[in-house]
Amino acid sequence: MFYLCKGKYLISINQYRQTDANSAFVCPIKITMYQRKIEKEYRCGMEVTVEVIDGKWKPCVINHLSTGKKRPSEIQRYIPAASRRALNIQLNEMEEHGIIKKTIYPVLPPKVEYELTDWGRTLLPITMAMEEWGMGFREQFLEIEAKRKSK
């Protein structure tokens, strides 16, 4: 069966044909970005830790938020290689896990700030150790990558 996207919902071709362009359509199927086929069981602490800080930019964001509240544009400037979409997805995941707190101020234009929660601050020794290890291994890593790319 083929599905079309109408607003936030997936609808079948038959459902689409039954609606006219001006009618409001309500469909019970919501689009989800990704759904795991195999549920994770989290049998050890390492799996939980990796699940929480897994993401290309999460450790960098956690380190940056260690200095205090930051607006999304400040985080974007700190990590210019990250797209806004990627940062938003990872910020939302960290908020769902309770690592960061999002504050939305009722002003126009809307003002949003992110900060680490107390639980999020417990990850700082891990992310700082990752930073320290990476900087110590950086030169050797760059040499290995250069050799690998030249092959």
Foldseek 3Di string as FASTA:
>chain_A
DDWDDDPQATDHPVVVVPDDPPDDDDDPGGDDPDDDPDDDDCPDPVVVVCVQQPAPCSLVVLVVLVVDKDWLVVSCVSPVVDDSVSVVVSVVSNVVVQQKDWDWDPDPVITIIIHGDPVNVVCVVVSVVVVVVCVVCVVVVVVVVVVVVVD
